[in-house]
Amino acid sequence: MNKIKLFLLAIFLFVMSQSGTLLSAYITIELSPNILNTSLLALFFIFLISCFLFISTKLNLKSKLTKSDIKYVFMTPIAIFVINVITKALFNITDNSQNQEAILSDISKGFIPVSLVLLTAPLFEEIIFRGIIYQKIFNKNIIGLLIQAFLFSLPHILPDILGGTFHLAFFLQYFIPAIIYALVYKKTNKLEIPILAHFVNNVFPVLILVIIIIFEIPL
């Protein structure tokens, strides 16, 4: 498969993943997130995941993880957290990006639909940006490292750009983690590692917010 076809495949998969995000947002905001709607959404995500897993068989996914691999899974989110804290401090930013604020707001309205997006996004995004763009198209070179990070960051900060609230710190909060995920992939040569690290990075804030909502902890 040539690079143009691979890039078109990446775009197609990205559109598919975003369709799940949009459907989840619609159910969360416009419809009642009842058992029926949530079940239908879950089935849709199962279909999406099946499609992505089928594609992933072409990306050299391995099933056996070592202790060193597990170390990367948990050390990567810690490194990203520290870097994000430093980035916010350097730019004196206390607000979240609009993408982050939307996620936090939507979770309080419908935890399950939004969680489906947060927990499946690592699979979608790692296959698209690290698996196809970084590995298959650019063969893990420095140009691919920067391009995949930029393309990963762009849709996350687009709401800030359109809303006129864009700040460089918001961009770096996505650009730098994308660099880290790619480097971890290059180091381990296992796409599962950035997928799992991305998953861990997503699930911790969700769990913290759920605890805050359940126990009505004042912020």
Protein backbone atom coordinates (compact mmCIF):
# COMPACT_ATOMS: atom_id res chain seq x y z
CA MET A 1 0.00 0.00 0.00
CA ASN A 2 1.55 3.32 -1.06
CA LYS A 3 1.79 6.35 1.19
CA ILE A 4 -1.12 8.22 -0.38
CA LYS A 5 -3.43 5.27 0.23
CA LEU A 6 -2.13 4.95 3.78
CA PHE A 7 -2.80 8.64 4.42
CA LEU A 8 -6.32 8.31 3.01
CA LEU A 9 -6.82 5.26 5.25
CA ALA A 10 -5.71 7.33 8.25
CA ILE A 11 -8.21 10.05 7.34
CA PHE A 12 -11.00 7.47 6.92
CA LEU A 13 -10.25 5.90 10.30
CA PHE A 14 -10.11 9.32 11.93
CA VAL A 15 -13.53 10.20 10.50
CA MET A 16 -14.89 6.89 11.80
CA SER A 17 -13.52 7.55 15.27
CA GLN A 18 -14.92 11.09 15.29
CA SER A 19 -18.34 9.78 14.29
CA GLY A 20 -18.33 7.82 17.53
CA THR A 21 -17.32 10.93 19.47
CA LEU A 22 -20.07 13.01 17.86
CA LEU A 23 -22.68 10.31 18.45
CA SER A 24 -21.63 10.09 22.09
CA ALA A 25 -21.84 13.86 22.49
CA TYR A 26 -25.30 13.89 20.86
CA ILE A 27 -26.61 11.21 23.21
CA THR A 28 -25.03 12.91 26.20
CA ILE A 29 -26.30 16.42 25.43
CA GLU A 30 -29.42 16.05 23.26
CA LEU A 31 -30.84 12.68 24.29
CA SER A 32 -31.33 10.96 27.59
CA PRO A 33 -28.37 8.61 28.18
CA ASN A 34 -30.70 5.75 29.15
CA ILE A 35 -30.01 2.05 28.94
CA LEU A 36 -31.21 1.75 25.33
CA ASN A 37 -29.24 4.72 23.99
CA THR A 38 -26.13 3.74 25.93
CA SER A 39 -26.41 0.12 24.73
CA LEU A 40 -26.73 1.22 21.11
CA LEU A 41 -23.73 3.50 21.54
CA ALA A 42 -21.74 0.66 23.10
CA LEU A 43 -22.58 -1.60 20.16
CA PHE A 44 -21.45 1.11 17.76
CA PHE A 45 -18.14 1.40 19.58
CA ILE A 46 -17.73 -2.38 19.54
CA PHE A 47 -18.13 -2.19 15.75
CA LEU A 48 -15.56 0.62 15.54
CA ILE A 49 -13.10 -1.22 17.76
CA SER A 50 -13.50 -4.36 15.63
CA CYS A 51 -12.67 -2.35 12.50
CA PHE A 52 -9.62 -0.79 14.15
CA LEU A 53 -8.39 -4.12 15.50
CA PHE A 54 -8.68 -5.58 12.01
CA ILE A 55 -6.52 -2.75 10.67
CA SER A 56 -4.12 -3.16 13.57
CA THR A 57 -3.20 -6.67 12.44
CA LYS A 58 -1.20 -4.96 9.69
CA LEU A 59 0.73 -2.83 12.21
CA ASN A 60 2.79 -5.57 13.89
CA LEU A 61 0.87 -5.59 17.14
CA LYS A 62 2.33 -8.07 19.58
CA SER A 63 0.57 -9.76 22.46
CA LYS A 64 3.40 -10.54 24.87
CA LEU A 65 4.38 -7.67 27.18
CA THR A 66 7.47 -7.69 29.38
CA LYS A 67 8.02 -6.06 32.78
CA SER A 68 9.92 -3.32 31.00
CA ASP A 69 6.90 -2.71 28.78
CA ILE A 70 4.64 -2.35 31.82
CA LYS A 71 7.08 0.20 33.20
CA TYR A 72 6.61 2.34 30.11
CA VAL A 73 2.84 2.00 30.38
CA PHE A 74 2.79 3.72 33.77
CA MET A 75 5.85 5.95 33.57
CA THR A 76 4.65 7.59 30.34
CA PRO A 77 1.45 9.09 31.85
CA ILE A 78 3.45 10.30 34.85
CA ALA A 79 5.95 12.02 32.57
CA ILE A 80 3.11 13.59 30.56
CA PHE A 81 1.42 14.83 33.74
CA VAL A 82 4.63 16.43 35.01
CA ILE A 83 5.33 18.07 31.65
CA ASN A 84 1.77 19.44 31.46
CA VAL A 85 2.07 20.92 34.94
CA ILE A 86 5.39 22.54 34.02
CA THR A 87 3.95 23.84 30.74
CA LYS A 88 0.99 25.45 32.49
CA ALA A 89 3.30 26.98 35.10
CA LEU A 90 5.68 28.40 32.47
CA PHE A 91 2.82 30.02 30.55
CA ASN A 92 0.95 30.94 33.74
CA ILE A 93 -2.17 29.16 32.52
CA THR A 94 -4.78 27.93 34.99
CA ASP A 95 -7.63 27.22 32.55
CA ASN A 96 -8.19 24.05 30.56
CA SER A 97 -8.55 23.91 26.80
CA GLN A 98 -12.10 23.88 25.44
CA ASN A 99 -11.65 20.22 24.52
CA GLN A 100 -10.82 19.35 28.14
CA GLU A 101 -13.62 21.52 29.52
CA ALA A 102 -16.15 19.88 27.18
CA ILE A 103 -15.09 16.41 28.33
CA LEU A 104 -15.33 17.34 32.01
CA SER A 105 -18.74 18.92 31.48
CA ASP A 106 -20.10 16.00 29.46
CA ILE A 107 -18.97 13.39 32.00
CA SER A 108 -21.13 15.03 34.65
CA LYS A 109 -24.11 14.77 32.26
CA GLY A 110 -23.58 11.23 31.10
CA PHE A 111 -20.61 9.27 32.40
CA ILE A 112 -20.93 6.13 30.29
CA PRO A 113 -21.20 7.72 26.80
CA VAL A 114 -18.24 10.03 27.39
CA SER A 115 -16.22 7.27 29.03
CA LEU A 116 -16.64 5.12 25.91
CA VAL A 117 -14.93 7.88 23.95
CA LEU A 118 -12.16 8.45 26.50
CA LEU A 119 -11.37 4.78 26.89
CA THR A 120 -11.46 3.87 23.20
CA ALA A 121 -9.71 7.02 21.91
CA PRO A 122 -6.26 5.60 22.78
CA LEU A 123 -6.82 2.68 20.42
CA PHE A 124 -8.11 4.88 17.62
CA GLU A 125 -5.53 7.64 17.95
CA GLU A 126 -2.49 5.42 18.43
CA ILE A 127 -3.32 3.29 15.40
CA ILE A 128 -3.95 6.39 13.26
CA PHE A 129 -1.17 8.73 14.35
CA ARG A 130 1.56 6.44 15.64
CA GLY A 131 0.77 3.22 13.76
CA ILE A 132 -0.12 4.48 10.29
CA ILE A 133 1.32 8.00 10.00
CA TYR A 134 4.46 7.67 12.14
CA GLN A 135 5.36 4.05 11.34
CA LYS A 136 3.90 3.13 7.97
CA ILE A 137 4.13 6.47 6.15
CA PHE A 138 7.27 8.01 7.68
CA ASN A 139 9.07 4.88 8.93
CA LYS A 140 9.50 6.46 12.39
CA ASN A 141 11.79 9.28 11.20
CA ILE A 142 12.08 12.77 12.72
CA ILE A 143 9.81 14.38 10.12
CA GLY A 144 7.12 11.82 10.83
CA LEU A 145 7.60 12.40 14.56
CA LEU A 146 6.77 16.10 14.18
CA ILE A 147 4.00 15.68 11.60
CA GLN A 148 2.10 13.04 13.56
CA ALA A 149 2.34 15.19 16.69
CA PHE A 150 1.01 18.25 14.85
CA LEU A 151 -1.83 16.30 13.23
CA PHE A 152 -2.70 14.74 16.59
CA SER A 153 -2.79 18.14 18.30
CA LEU A 154 -4.77 20.02 15.66
CA PRO A 155 -8.25 18.52 16.19
CA HIS A 156 -7.85 18.77 19.97
CA ILE A 157 -7.16 22.51 19.89
CA LEU A 158 -9.47 23.37 16.99
CA PRO A 159 -12.30 24.47 19.34
CA ASP A 160 -9.90 26.97 20.98
CA ILE A 161 -8.75 28.29 17.60
CA LEU A 162 -12.33 28.72 16.35
CA GLY A 163 -13.38 30.25 19.65
CA GLY A 164 -10.51 32.73 19.68
CA THR A 165 -9.11 31.38 22.95
CA PHE A 166 -6.11 29.55 21.55
CA HIS A 167 -2.96 29.53 23.67
CA LEU A 168 0.37 27.91 22.86
CA ALA A 169 0.24 26.02 26.17
CA PHE A 170 -2.91 24.20 25.03
CA PHE A 171 -1.16 23.13 21.83
CA LEU A 172 1.90 21.88 23.73
CA GLN A 173 -0.32 19.84 26.07
CA TYR A 174 -1.18 17.64 23.09
CA PHE A 175 1.93 18.06 20.94
CA ILE A 176 4.41 16.95 23.62
CA PRO A 177 2.45 13.82 24.67
CA ALA A 178 2.18 12.87 20.98
CA ILE A 179 5.97 13.09 20.76
CA ILE A 180 6.33 10.97 23.90
CA TYR A 181 3.90 8.29 22.70
CA ALA A 182 5.78 8.06 19.39
CA LEU A 183 9.18 7.81 21.10
CA VAL A 184 7.88 5.10 23.42
CA TYR A 185 6.60 3.23 20.37
CA LYS A 186 9.97 3.59 18.65
CA LYS A 187 11.79 2.44 21.78
CA THR A 188 9.63 -0.64 22.44
CA ASN A 189 8.55 -1.39 18.85
CA LYS A 190 5.17 -2.38 20.30
CA LEU A 191 2.14 -0.24 19.50
CA GLU A 192 0.35 -1.75 22.49
CA ILE A 193 2.58 0.23 24.83
CA PRO A 194 1.51 3.75 23.76
CA ILE A 195 -2.07 2.46 23.46
CA LEU A 196 -2.05 1.28 27.09
CA ALA A 197 -0.12 4.35 28.29
CA HIS A 198 -2.63 6.59 26.52
CA PHE A 199 -5.46 4.63 28.13
CA VAL A 200 -3.96 5.07 31.60
CA ASN A 201 -3.40 8.76 30.89
CA ASN A 202 -7.10 9.14 30.03
CA VAL A 203 -8.67 7.00 32.73
CA PHE A 204 -7.10 8.62 35.81
CA PRO A 205 -8.72 12.07 35.36
CA VAL A 206 -12.05 10.36 34.65
CA LEU A 207 -11.85 8.32 37.85
CA ILE A 208 -10.92 11.40 39.88
CA LEU A 209 -13.87 13.36 38.44
CA VAL A 210 -16.26 10.46 39.07
CA ILE A 211 -15.13 10.32 42.71
CA ILE A 212 -15.66 14.08 43.00
CA ILE A 213 -19.17 13.80 41.52
CA ILE A 214 -20.20 10.75 43.55
CA PHE A 215 -19.01 12.09 46.88
CA GLU A 216 -19.93 15.70 46.02
CA ILE A 217 -16.44 16.93 46.88
CA PRO A 218 -16.25 20.73 46.52
CA LEU A 219 -13.65 22.00 44.05
